[in-house]
Each structure stands twice: as C-alpha cells, then as structure tokens.
Amino acid sequence: MEEAELKKVRLLGLPTDSHSSFLRGPALAPEAIRAALASEHSNLATESGIEIGVDLALKDLGNLPLDETGGDFDRIREGAEEASKGGAGTIFLGGDHMVTYPIVAGVAEVHGPVNILHFDAHPDLYDDFEGDPLSHASPFARIMERALATRLVQVGIRTLNGHCREQAARFGVEVVEMRDFAPAAVPIPEGPLYVSIDMDALDPAFAPGVSHHEPGGLSVRDILSVLHRLQGSIVGADVVEYNPTRDINGMTAVVAAKFVKELAALAARD
C-alpha cells in the first residue's frame, strides 16, 4: 500500500520539564523515545497485527520549540489543536505531565470535551502544588475545572492523600487504586478518548527511568491489557515523565516506545 493511502497517526515531541516538582530530565525524553522506536533491536509490528510503515504511517512532526517561558502553554495548546485537525490521532511525547493540560485544551478545540484514561502513580489533581497552578502535579485539576473532559478514569494510583481524595470527589474522578487493580475491572470510557500514560504508573522494576520511584505499581503487561480493551475512537495520547537521566541501559525508553507503537495502532483503527 502506498504511504499516501495509509491511515496516519502523528507524533509530536514536547521537550519541557520546567514544571517538575522534584527532578529535571523529562525534557530529554522525546529524542530518547524516538531512538528506541527506531532501534534495530525490534521491529515496528504491534500486538494487534498492525505494522507501522505497512498498515499505518507514523508521521513525526518533530518537537515544538519550547523555551520554558509563559508562552509554552499556548505553544503546546496551538500545536495540539493543529495536529488534531484532519482526523489523524496524535501521540505526544513529554516532557513532564504539565503538558497534558494544554494538549487536552487543544484537542478539545477540535473534538470537543474528551474522555480520559490516565495511568499514573499519582492523581495529579492538586489544586495548586507548591504555588504552581501549572505544576505537573495539577494538570487534571485544571482540565476538570475547565470542563475539557467529561469523564476521567485514573489507573494505578498509589499516592492518594486527603487533598487529592477531596479533589477526586469534587470532579467525579473514577480512581482505580493500585491495591484494587485488575485489568478486566478498569472502566473503559467511550470515545472521543484521550489516553495519558505517566511512566511512573509502572513499578520501578519495569521503568527505573522516572523522577518519582513509587513501588508497588503496574507491570507493562497490565497497561497493555487495559489498552487492548479500548474500543472507542482515540483522538490523542501522551507518554510522559520518562527521565533518561535515571534510566538503566535504556530499558524505560524501550517500554515508552512500546507504548507509542501500541497507541499508534489503536489510534489508527477505523
């Protein structure tokens, strides 16, 4: 099949970590994930049987020119809006989790309010973490405040404090705490669906290359088992909070690349 005839999924890098609360490093992630995706250690087949380059075209739009100033929010929002036009799903490579807020704001300009499936160790629902309303600990509070999402399902959470429990109740968030996790029991929102994967959702044994090591987390197969249950239209997704400075032999980059492949296959379905 000619590339012009293939279903297209876009890839856009967001190299920023200026709203990280602990360690810097996720700004380096987009290039590391791309390198793992292109590595000859594996191929571009996905578990669904869809092959990137054969059945779908993964069009890399490069990185947005972010400079850690106040203008980055609108750059990301506008970039996400533009990438979402024309019916192609887009996978965004973070970067810290702050980026999900402007991404969803941009996606909603095209598709309207979305439903969100969010994998994370943390709920990221703080009202104002350490005086930064754009903190990577706060994106979903901002998203729900602005009604950019109709439904938010969070999976793998294992750091839910009193404040975030109150926030989850306030916004009607469906939280699947790690202690209660079972792949078949995770509620699956309908489309238009946005998927956000924070790499620290995984147990550190599977993903040491993250800023916040939270033991007792998901396995790679746990996340894939949930993703393979998705049926609705996926209008966008992100893979965030990979920190190459803490990785071991690039193993977390390989896991992130695996998620990119599987998300691309899901986004390419009719």
C-alpha atoms as a PDB file:
ATOM      1  CA  MET A   1       0.000   0.000   0.000  1.00  0.00           C
ATOM      2  CA  GLU A   2       1.297   3.460  -0.903  1.00  0.00           C
ATOM      3  CA  GLU A   3       2.071   5.707   2.087  1.00  0.00           C
ATOM      4  CA  ALA A   4      -0.477   8.264   0.876  1.00  0.00           C
ATOM      5  CA  GLU A   5      -3.177   5.601   1.293  1.00  0.00           C
ATOM      6  CA  LEU A   6      -2.178   4.558   4.812  1.00  0.00           C
ATOM      7  CA  LYS A   7      -4.029   5.617   7.921  1.00  0.00           C
ATOM      8  CA  LYS A   8      -1.929   8.357   9.519  1.00  0.00           C
ATOM      9  CA  VAL A   9      -1.005   8.868  13.152  1.00  0.00           C
ATOM     10  CA  ARG A  10       1.110  11.836  14.172  1.00  0.00           C
ATOM     11  CA  LEU A  11       3.951  12.103  16.669  1.00  0.00           C
ATOM     12  CA  LEU A  12       4.848  15.396  18.360  1.00  0.00           C
ATOM     13  CA  GLY A  13       7.597  15.982  20.924  1.00  0.00           C
ATOM     14  CA  LEU A  14       7.229  18.359  23.875  1.00  0.00           C
ATOM     15  CA  PRO A  15      10.706  18.790  25.395  1.00  0.00           C
ATOM     16  CA  THR A  16       9.920  20.580  28.644  1.00  0.00           C
ATOM     17  CA  ASP A  17      10.163  19.798  32.344  1.00  0.00           C
ATOM     18  CA  SER A  18      10.077  23.274  33.857  1.00  0.00           C
ATOM     19  CA  HIS A  19       7.013  22.400  35.956  1.00  0.00           C
ATOM     20  CA  SER A  20       8.567  19.327  37.543  1.00  0.00           C
ATOM     21  CA  SER A  21       8.497  19.436  41.339  1.00  0.00           C
ATOM     22  CA  PHE A  22      11.417  17.120  42.133  1.00  0.00           C
ATOM     23  CA  LEU A  23      13.950  16.380  39.369  1.00  0.00           C
ATOM     24  CA  ARG A  24      14.602  17.721  35.913  1.00  0.00           C
ATOM     25  CA  GLY A  25      15.231  15.398  32.969  1.00  0.00           C
ATOM     26  CA  PRO A  26      11.948  14.580  31.173  1.00  0.00           C
ATOM     27  CA  ALA A  27      12.685  17.321  28.614  1.00  0.00           C
ATOM     28  CA  LEU A  28      15.259  14.899  27.193  1.00  0.00           C
ATOM     29  CA  ALA A  29      12.705  12.151  26.698  1.00  0.00           C
ATOM     30  CA  PRO A  30      11.324  12.740  23.172  1.00  0.00           C
ATOM     31  CA  GLU A  31      14.626  12.057  21.423  1.00  0.00           C
ATOM     32  CA  ALA A  32      15.379   9.035  23.624  1.00  0.00           C
ATOM     33  CA  ILE A  33      11.965   7.528  22.869  1.00  0.00           C
ATOM     34  CA  ARG A  34      12.402   8.145  19.155  1.00  0.00           C
ATOM     35  CA  ALA A  35      15.786   6.404  19.257  1.00  0.00           C
ATOM     36  CA  ALA A  36      14.265   3.370  20.980  1.00  0.00           C
ATOM     37  CA  LEU A  37      11.417   3.315  18.461  1.00  0.00           C
ATOM     38  CA  ALA A  38      13.868   3.319  15.547  1.00  0.00           C
ATOM     39  CA  SER A  39      16.328   0.848  17.080  1.00  0.00           C
ATOM     40  CA  GLU A  40      17.048  -2.361  15.204  1.00  0.00           C
ATOM     41  CA  HIS A  41      16.665  -4.307  18.452  1.00  0.00           C
ATOM     42  CA  SER A  42      12.997  -4.774  17.482  1.00  0.00           C
ATOM     43  CA  ASN A  43      10.577  -4.086  14.638  1.00  0.00           C
ATOM     44  CA  LEU A  44       7.514  -1.892  14.135  1.00  0.00           C
ATOM     45  CA  ALA A  45       4.869  -4.605  14.394  1.00  0.00           C
ATOM     46  CA  THR A  46       2.274  -4.183  17.128  1.00  0.00           C
ATOM     47  CA  GLU A  47       0.442  -6.828  19.112  1.00  0.00           C
ATOM     48  CA  SER A  48      -2.763  -6.180  17.168  1.00  0.00           C
ATOM     49  CA  GLY A  49      -1.007  -7.201  13.948  1.00  0.00           C
ATOM     50  CA  ILE A  50      -0.885  -3.654  12.601  1.00  0.00           C
ATOM     51  CA  GLU A  51       2.587  -2.732  11.361  1.00  0.00           C
ATOM     52  CA  ILE A  52       3.871   0.821  11.369  1.00  0.00           C
ATOM     53  CA  GLY A  53       5.065   1.681   7.880  1.00  0.00           C
ATOM     54  CA  VAL A  54       2.990  -1.107   6.353  1.00  0.00           C
ATOM     55  CA  ASP A  55      -0.538  -0.580   7.678  1.00  0.00           C
ATOM     56  CA  LEU A  56      -0.192   2.892   9.151  1.00  0.00           C
ATOM     57  CA  ALA A  57       2.074   5.879   8.653  1.00  0.00           C
ATOM     58  CA  LEU A  58       3.533   7.359  11.834  1.00  0.00           C
ATOM     59  CA  LYS A  59       4.290  10.926  10.778  1.00  0.00           C
ATOM     60  CA  ASP A  60       6.813  12.598  13.067  1.00  0.00           C
ATOM     61  CA  LEU A  61       6.160  16.328  13.376  1.00  0.00           C
ATOM     62  CA  GLY A  62       9.354  16.881  15.359  1.00  0.00           C
ATOM     63  CA  ASN A  63       9.486  18.871  18.595  1.00  0.00           C
ATOM     64  CA  LEU A  64       7.692  22.068  19.427  1.00  0.00           C
ATOM     65  CA  PRO A  65      10.140  24.935  20.049  1.00  0.00           C
ATOM     66  CA  LEU A  66       9.537  25.325  23.784  1.00  0.00           C
ATOM     67  CA  ASP A  67      11.632  27.724  25.874  1.00  0.00           C
ATOM     68  CA  GLU A  68      10.285  27.385  29.434  1.00  0.00           C
ATOM     69  CA  THR A  69       8.559  30.753  29.370  1.00  0.00           C
ATOM     70  CA  GLY A  70       4.899  31.597  29.880  1.00  0.00           C
ATOM     71  CA  GLY A  71       4.339  31.230  26.153  1.00  0.00           C
ATOM     72  CA  ASP A  72       4.880  27.483  26.230  1.00  0.00           C
ATOM     73  CA  PHE A  73       1.315  26.790  27.335  1.00  0.00           C
ATOM     74  CA  ASP A  74      -0.166  28.394  24.223  1.00  0.00           C
ATOM     75  CA  ARG A  75       2.507  26.862  22.004  1.00  0.00           C
ATOM     76  CA  ILE A  76       1.504  23.401  23.209  1.00  0.00           C
ATOM     77  CA  ARG A  77      -2.230  24.138  23.029  1.00  0.00           C
ATOM     78  CA  GLU A  78      -1.955  25.511  19.494  1.00  0.00           C
ATOM     79  CA  GLY A  79       0.347  22.682  18.434  1.00  0.00           C
ATOM     80  CA  ALA A  80      -2.088  20.091  19.764  1.00  0.00           C
ATOM     81  CA  GLU A  81      -5.013  21.779  18.059  1.00  0.00           C
ATOM     82  CA  GLU A  82      -3.214  21.903  14.708  1.00  0.00           C
ATOM     83  CA  ALA A  83      -2.000  18.304  14.989  1.00  0.00           C
ATOM     84  CA  SER A  84      -5.546  17.135  15.773  1.00  0.00           C
ATOM     85  CA  LYS A  85      -7.047  18.522  12.579  1.00  0.00           C
ATOM     86  CA  GLY A  86      -7.746  16.325   9.599  1.00  0.00           C
ATOM     87  CA  GLY A  87      -8.866  13.309  11.596  1.00  0.00           C
ATOM     88  CA  ALA A  88      -5.402  11.993  12.472  1.00  0.00           C
ATOM     89  CA  GLY A  89      -4.748  10.936  16.043  1.00  0.00           C
ATOM     90  CA  THR A  90      -1.606  12.341  17.646  1.00  0.00           C
ATOM     91  CA  ILE A  91       0.737  10.830  20.217  1.00  0.00           C
ATOM     92  CA  PHE A  92       2.585  13.437  22.258  1.00  0.00           C
ATOM     93  CA  LEU A  93       5.976  12.713  23.790  1.00  0.00           C
ATOM     94  CA  GLY A  94       6.665  14.552  27.039  1.00  0.00           C
ATOM     95  CA  GLY A  95       8.083  16.160  28.891  1.00  0.00           C
ATOM     96  CA  ASP A  96       6.579  16.387  32.341  1.00  0.00           C
ATOM     97  CA  HIS A  97       2.883  15.869  32.977  1.00  0.00           C
ATOM     98  CA  MET A  98       2.086  19.573  32.834  1.00  0.00           C
ATOM     99  CA  VAL A  99       1.859  19.161  29.063  1.00  0.00           C
ATOM    100  CA  THR A 100      -1.370  17.156  29.287  1.00  0.00           C
ATOM    101  CA  TYR A 101      -3.381  20.233  30.278  1.00  0.00           C
ATOM    102  CA  PRO A 102      -2.576  22.370  27.199  1.00  0.00           C
ATOM    103  CA  ILE A 103      -2.689  19.279  24.963  1.00  0.00           C
ATOM    104  CA  VAL A 104      -6.227  18.431  26.051  1.00  0.00           C
ATOM    105  CA  ALA A 105      -7.215  22.097  25.710  1.00  0.00           C
ATOM    106  CA  GLY A 106      -6.010  21.996  22.100  1.00  0.00           C
ATOM    107  CA  VAL A 107      -7.576  18.622  21.314  1.00  0.00           C
ATOM    108  CA  ALA A 108     -10.903  19.818  22.745  1.00  0.00           C
ATOM    109  CA  GLU A 109     -10.901  22.738  20.319  1.00  0.00           C
ATOM    110  CA  VAL A 110     -11.204  20.175  17.531  1.00  0.00           C
ATOM    111  CA  HIS A 111     -13.140  17.312  19.113  1.00  0.00           C
ATOM    112  CA  GLY A 112     -14.989  18.946  21.987  1.00  0.00           C
ATOM    113  CA  PRO A 113     -14.690  17.662  25.560  1.00  0.00           C
ATOM    114  CA  VAL A 114     -12.987  14.269  25.647  1.00  0.00           C
ATOM    115  CA  ASN A 115     -12.970  11.301  27.990  1.00  0.00           C
ATOM    116  CA  ILE A 116      -9.605  10.493  29.554  1.00  0.00           C
ATOM    117  CA  LEU A 117      -7.964   7.230  30.559  1.00  0.00           C
ATOM    118  CA  HIS A 118      -4.986   8.109  32.767  1.00  0.00           C
ATOM    119  CA  PHE A 119      -2.276   5.725  34.013  1.00  0.00           C
ATOM    120  CA  ASP A 120      -0.175   7.082  36.884  1.00  0.00           C
ATOM    121  CA  ALA A 121       1.178   6.500  40.363  1.00  0.00           C
ATOM    122  CA  HIS A 122      -0.175   9.953  41.260  1.00  0.00           C
ATOM    123  CA  PRO A 123      -3.608  11.505  40.644  1.00  0.00           C
ATOM    124  CA  ASP A 124      -2.147  14.889  39.615  1.00  0.00           C
ATOM    125  CA  LEU A 125      -5.222  16.635  40.992  1.00  0.00           C
ATOM    126  CA  TYR A 126      -3.574  19.163  43.316  1.00  0.00           C
ATOM    127  CA  ASP A 127      -5.373  22.473  43.352  1.00  0.00           C
ATOM    128  CA  ASP A 128      -2.109  24.443  43.483  1.00  0.00           C
ATOM    129  CA  PHE A 129       1.026  22.421  44.147  1.00  0.00           C
ATOM    130  CA  GLU A 130       3.802  24.481  45.766  1.00  0.00           C
ATOM    131  CA  GLY A 131       2.380  27.692  44.344  1.00  0.00           C
ATOM    132  CA  ASP A 132       2.444  26.491  40.729  1.00  0.00           C
ATOM    133  CA  PRO A 133      -1.043  26.008  39.234  1.00  0.00           C
ATOM    134  CA  LEU A 134       0.623  24.519  36.138  1.00  0.00           C
ATOM    135  CA  SER A 135       2.643  22.007  38.167  1.00  0.00           C
ATOM    136  CA  HIS A 136       2.979  18.504  36.791  1.00  0.00           C
ATOM    137  CA  ALA A 137       1.046  17.548  39.939  1.00  0.00           C
ATOM    138  CA  SER A 138      -2.001  19.583  38.862  1.00  0.00           C
ATOM    139  CA  PRO A 139      -2.934  19.065  35.169  1.00  0.00           C
ATOM    140  CA  PHE A 140      -6.109  17.090  35.768  1.00  0.00           C
ATOM    141  CA  ALA A 141      -7.442  19.645  38.236  1.00  0.00           C
ATOM    142  CA  ARG A 142      -7.097  22.293  35.544  1.00  0.00           C
ATOM    143  CA  ILE A 143      -8.643  20.024  32.884  1.00  0.00           C
ATOM    144  CA  MET A 144     -11.671  19.191  35.013  1.00  0.00           C
ATOM    145  CA  GLU A 145     -12.140  22.798  36.177  1.00  0.00           C
ATOM    146  CA  ARG A 146     -12.448  23.904  32.567  1.00  0.00           C
ATOM    147  CA  ALA A 147     -14.750  21.005  31.644  1.00  0.00           C
ATOM    148  CA  LEU A 148     -12.294  19.918  28.946  1.00  0.00           C
ATOM    149  CA  ALA A 149     -13.056  16.309  29.878  1.00  0.00           C
ATOM    150  CA  THR A 150     -16.419  14.706  30.532  1.00  0.00           C
ATOM    151  CA  ARG A 151     -15.056  11.613  32.240  1.00  0.00           C
ATOM    152  CA  LEU A 152     -11.685  10.880  33.872  1.00  0.00           C
ATOM    153  CA  VAL A 153     -10.616   7.347  34.801  1.00  0.00           C
ATOM    154  CA  GLN A 154      -7.301   7.053  36.667  1.00  0.00           C
ATOM    155  CA  VAL A 155      -5.481   3.722  36.930  1.00  0.00           C
ATOM    156  CA  GLY A 156      -2.588   2.580  39.119  1.00  0.00           C
ATOM    157  CA  ILE A 157      -2.862   5.332  41.724  1.00  0.00           C
ATOM    158  CA  ARG A 158      -0.972   4.620  44.949  1.00  0.00           C
ATOM    159  CA  THR A 159      -0.241   8.045  46.489  1.00  0.00           C
ATOM    160  CA  LEU A 160      -3.755   9.348  47.101  1.00  0.00           C
ATOM    161  CA  ASN A 161      -3.661  11.792  50.021  1.00  0.00           C
ATOM    162  CA  GLY A 162      -6.586  13.550  51.683  1.00  0.00           C
ATOM    163  CA  HIS A 163      -6.492  16.630  49.466  1.00  0.00           C
ATOM    164  CA  CYS A 164      -6.451  14.625  46.245  1.00  0.00           C
ATOM    165  CA  ARG A 165      -9.262  12.382  47.522  1.00  0.00           C
ATOM    166  CA  GLU A 166     -11.332  15.533  48.043  1.00  0.00           C
ATOM    167  CA  GLN A 167     -10.406  16.744  44.561  1.00  0.00           C
ATOM    168  CA  ALA A 168     -11.355  13.385  43.022  1.00  0.00           C
ATOM    169  CA  ALA A 169     -14.738  13.548  44.726  1.00  0.00           C
ATOM    170  CA  ARG A 170     -15.175  17.177  43.664  1.00  0.00           C
ATOM    171  CA  PHE A 171     -14.609  16.365  39.994  1.00  0.00           C
ATOM    172  CA  GLY A 172     -16.246  12.929  39.939  1.00  0.00           C
ATOM    173  CA  VAL A 173     -12.992  11.176  39.026  1.00  0.00           C
ATOM    174  CA  GLU A 174     -13.121   7.376  38.826  1.00  0.00           C
ATOM    175  CA  VAL A 175      -9.962   6.261  40.633  1.00  0.00           C
ATOM    176  CA  VAL A 176      -8.704   2.685  40.341  1.00  0.00           C
ATOM    177  CA  GLU A 177      -6.157   2.493  43.119  1.00  0.00           C
ATOM    178  CA  MET A 178      -3.315   0.065  42.604  1.00  0.00           C
ATOM    179  CA  ARG A 179      -4.384  -2.037  45.571  1.00  0.00           C
ATOM    180  CA  ASP A 180      -7.700  -2.704  43.780  1.00  0.00           C
ATOM    181  CA  PHE A 181      -6.330  -3.101  40.264  1.00  0.00           C
ATOM    182  CA  ALA A 182      -7.411  -5.847  37.883  1.00  0.00           C
ATOM    183  CA  PRO A 183      -7.150  -5.302  34.108  1.00  0.00           C
ATOM    184  CA  ALA A 184     -10.660  -6.578  33.381  1.00  0.00           C
ATOM    185  CA  ALA A 185     -12.228  -4.355  36.047  1.00  0.00           C
ATOM    186  CA  VAL A 186     -10.934  -0.994  34.792  1.00  0.00           C
ATOM    187  CA  PRO A 187     -13.810   1.172  33.495  1.00  0.00           C
ATOM    188  CA  ILE A 188     -13.243   1.975  29.826  1.00  0.00           C
ATOM    189  CA  PRO A 189     -14.538   5.393  28.741  1.00  0.00           C
ATOM    190  CA  GLU A 190     -16.132   5.802  25.338  1.00  0.00           C
ATOM    191  CA  GLY A 191     -14.694   7.964  22.603  1.00  0.00           C
ATOM    192  CA  PRO A 192     -13.625  10.574  21.890  1.00  0.00           C
ATOM    193  CA  LEU A 193     -10.916   9.202  24.158  1.00  0.00           C
ATOM    194  CA  TYR A 194      -7.585  10.654  25.238  1.00  0.00           C
ATOM    195  CA  VAL A 195      -5.010   8.342  26.858  1.00  0.00           C
ATOM    196  CA  SER A 196      -2.303   9.680  29.180  1.00  0.00           C
ATOM    197  CA  ILE A 197       0.498   7.346  30.303  1.00  0.00           C
ATOM    198  CA  ASP A 198       2.793   8.618  33.018  1.00  0.00           C
ATOM    199  CA  MET A 199       5.736   6.233  33.052  1.00  0.00           C
ATOM    200  CA  ASP A 200       5.780   6.164  36.848  1.00  0.00           C
ATOM    201  CA  ALA A 201       2.471   4.310  36.724  1.00  0.00           C
ATOM    202  CA  LEU A 202       4.755   1.321  36.239  1.00  0.00           C
ATOM    203  CA  ASP A 203       6.540  -0.336  39.105  1.00  0.00           C
ATOM    204  CA  PRO A 204      10.157   0.921  39.153  1.00  0.00           C
ATOM    205  CA  ALA A 205      11.267  -2.636  38.328  1.00  0.00           C
ATOM    206  CA  PHE A 206       9.798  -2.099  34.835  1.00  0.00           C
ATOM    207  CA  ALA A 207      10.597   1.600  34.461  1.00  0.00           C
ATOM    208  CA  PRO A 208      13.510   2.875  36.554  1.00  0.00           C
ATOM    209  CA  GLY A 209      13.900   5.922  34.315  1.00  0.00           C
ATOM    210  CA  VAL A 210      11.414   8.185  36.087  1.00  0.00           C
ATOM    211  CA  SER A 211      11.824  11.023  38.555  1.00  0.00           C
ATOM    212  CA  HIS A 212       9.435   9.608  41.154  1.00  0.00           C
ATOM    213  CA  HIS A 213      10.014   5.945  42.046  1.00  0.00           C
ATOM    214  CA  GLU A 214       6.763   4.601  43.518  1.00  0.00           C
ATOM    215  CA  PRO A 215       6.994   0.874  44.395  1.00  0.00           C
ATOM    216  CA  GLY A 216       4.042  -1.452  44.006  1.00  0.00           C
ATOM    217  CA  GLY A 217       2.969  -0.318  40.567  1.00  0.00           C
ATOM    218  CA  LEU A 218       1.685  -1.698  37.295  1.00  0.00           C
ATOM    219  CA  SER A 219       3.552  -4.057  35.001  1.00  0.00           C
ATOM    220  CA  VAL A 220       3.989  -3.367  31.297  1.00  0.00           C
ATOM    221  CA  ARG A 221       1.521  -6.184  30.579  1.00  0.00           C
ATOM    222  CA  ASP A 222      -1.030  -4.665  32.990  1.00  0.00           C
ATOM    223  CA  ILE A 223      -1.142  -1.452  30.977  1.00  0.00           C
ATOM    224  CA  LEU A 224      -1.208  -3.275  27.646  1.00  0.00           C
ATOM    225  CA  SER A 225      -4.058  -5.480  28.864  1.00  0.00           C
ATOM    226  CA  VAL A 226      -6.142  -2.385  29.610  1.00  0.00           C
ATOM    227  CA  LEU A 227      -5.200  -0.670  26.344  1.00  0.00           C
ATOM    228  CA  HIS A 228      -6.211  -3.738  24.341  1.00  0.00           C
ATOM    229  CA  ARG A 229      -9.727  -3.424  25.773  1.00  0.00           C
ATOM    230  CA  LEU A 230     -10.243   0.029  24.230  1.00  0.00           C
ATOM    231  CA  GLN A 231     -12.952   0.218  21.595  1.00  0.00           C
ATOM    232  CA  GLY A 232     -13.790   3.883  21.083  1.00  0.00           C
ATOM    233  CA  SER A 233     -12.144   6.495  18.910  1.00  0.00           C
ATOM    234  CA  ILE A 234      -8.757   7.585  20.293  1.00  0.00           C
ATOM    235  CA  VAL A 235      -8.225  11.238  19.391  1.00  0.00           C
ATOM    236  CA  GLY A 236      -4.901  11.659  21.175  1.00  0.00           C
ATOM    237  CA  ALA A 237      -2.484  10.230  23.705  1.00  0.00           C
ATOM    238  CA  ASP A 238       0.652  11.131  25.581  1.00  0.00           C
ATOM    239  CA  VAL A 239       3.600   9.283  27.079  1.00  0.00           C
ATOM    240  CA  VAL A 240       5.144  11.491  29.744  1.00  0.00           C
ATOM    241  CA  GLU A 241       7.530  11.677  32.715  1.00  0.00           C
ATOM    242  CA  TYR A 242      10.235   9.447  31.270  1.00  0.00           C
ATOM    243  CA  ASN A 243      13.506  10.741  32.712  1.00  0.00           C
ATOM    244  CA  PRO A 244      16.505   9.470  30.684  1.00  0.00           C
ATOM    245  CA  THR A 245      18.960  10.679  33.339  1.00  0.00           C
ATOM    246  CA  ARG A 246      17.675   7.959  35.695  1.00  0.00           C
ATOM    247  CA  ASP A 247      17.306   5.146  33.184  1.00  0.00           C
ATOM    248  CA  ILE A 248      19.266   1.871  33.190  1.00  0.00           C
ATOM    249  CA  ASN A 249      20.509   0.598  29.811  1.00  0.00           C
ATOM    250  CA  GLY A 250      17.661   2.461  28.085  1.00  0.00           C
ATOM    251  CA  MET A 251      15.095  -0.038  29.356  1.00  0.00           C
ATOM    252  CA  THR A 252      12.484   2.621  30.201  1.00  0.00           C
ATOM    253  CA  ALA A 253      12.891   4.193  26.752  1.00  0.00           C
ATOM    254  CA  VAL A 254      12.119   0.801  25.191  1.00  0.00           C
ATOM    255  CA  VAL A 255       8.965   0.492  27.299  1.00  0.00           C
ATOM    256  CA  ALA A 256       7.883   4.023  26.320  1.00  0.00           C
ATOM    257  CA  ALA A 257       8.470   3.167  22.641  1.00  0.00           C
ATOM    258  CA  LYS A 258       6.378   0.025  23.084  1.00  0.00           C
ATOM    259  CA  PHE A 259       3.502   2.137  24.368  1.00  0.00           C
ATOM    260  CA  VAL A 260       3.883   4.521  21.421  1.00  0.00           C
ATOM    261  CA  LYS A 261       3.591   1.620  18.974  1.00  0.00           C
ATOM    262  CA  GLU A 262       0.532   0.135  20.650  1.00  0.00           C
ATOM    263  CA  LEU A 263      -1.173   3.528  20.998  1.00  0.00           C
ATOM    264  CA  ALA A 264      -0.500   4.283  17.329  1.00  0.00           C
ATOM    265  CA  ALA A 265      -2.141   1.010  16.317  1.00  0.00           C
ATOM    266  CA  LEU A 266      -5.189   1.801  18.457  1.00  0.00           C
ATOM    267  CA  ALA A 267      -5.441   5.350  17.098  1.00  0.00           C
ATOM    268  CA  ALA A 268      -5.248   4.032  13.528  1.00  0.00           C
ATOM    269  CA  ARG A 269      -8.322   1.851  13.817  1.00  0.00           C
ATOM    270  CA  ASP A 270     -11.358   2.964  11.871  1.00  0.00           C
END
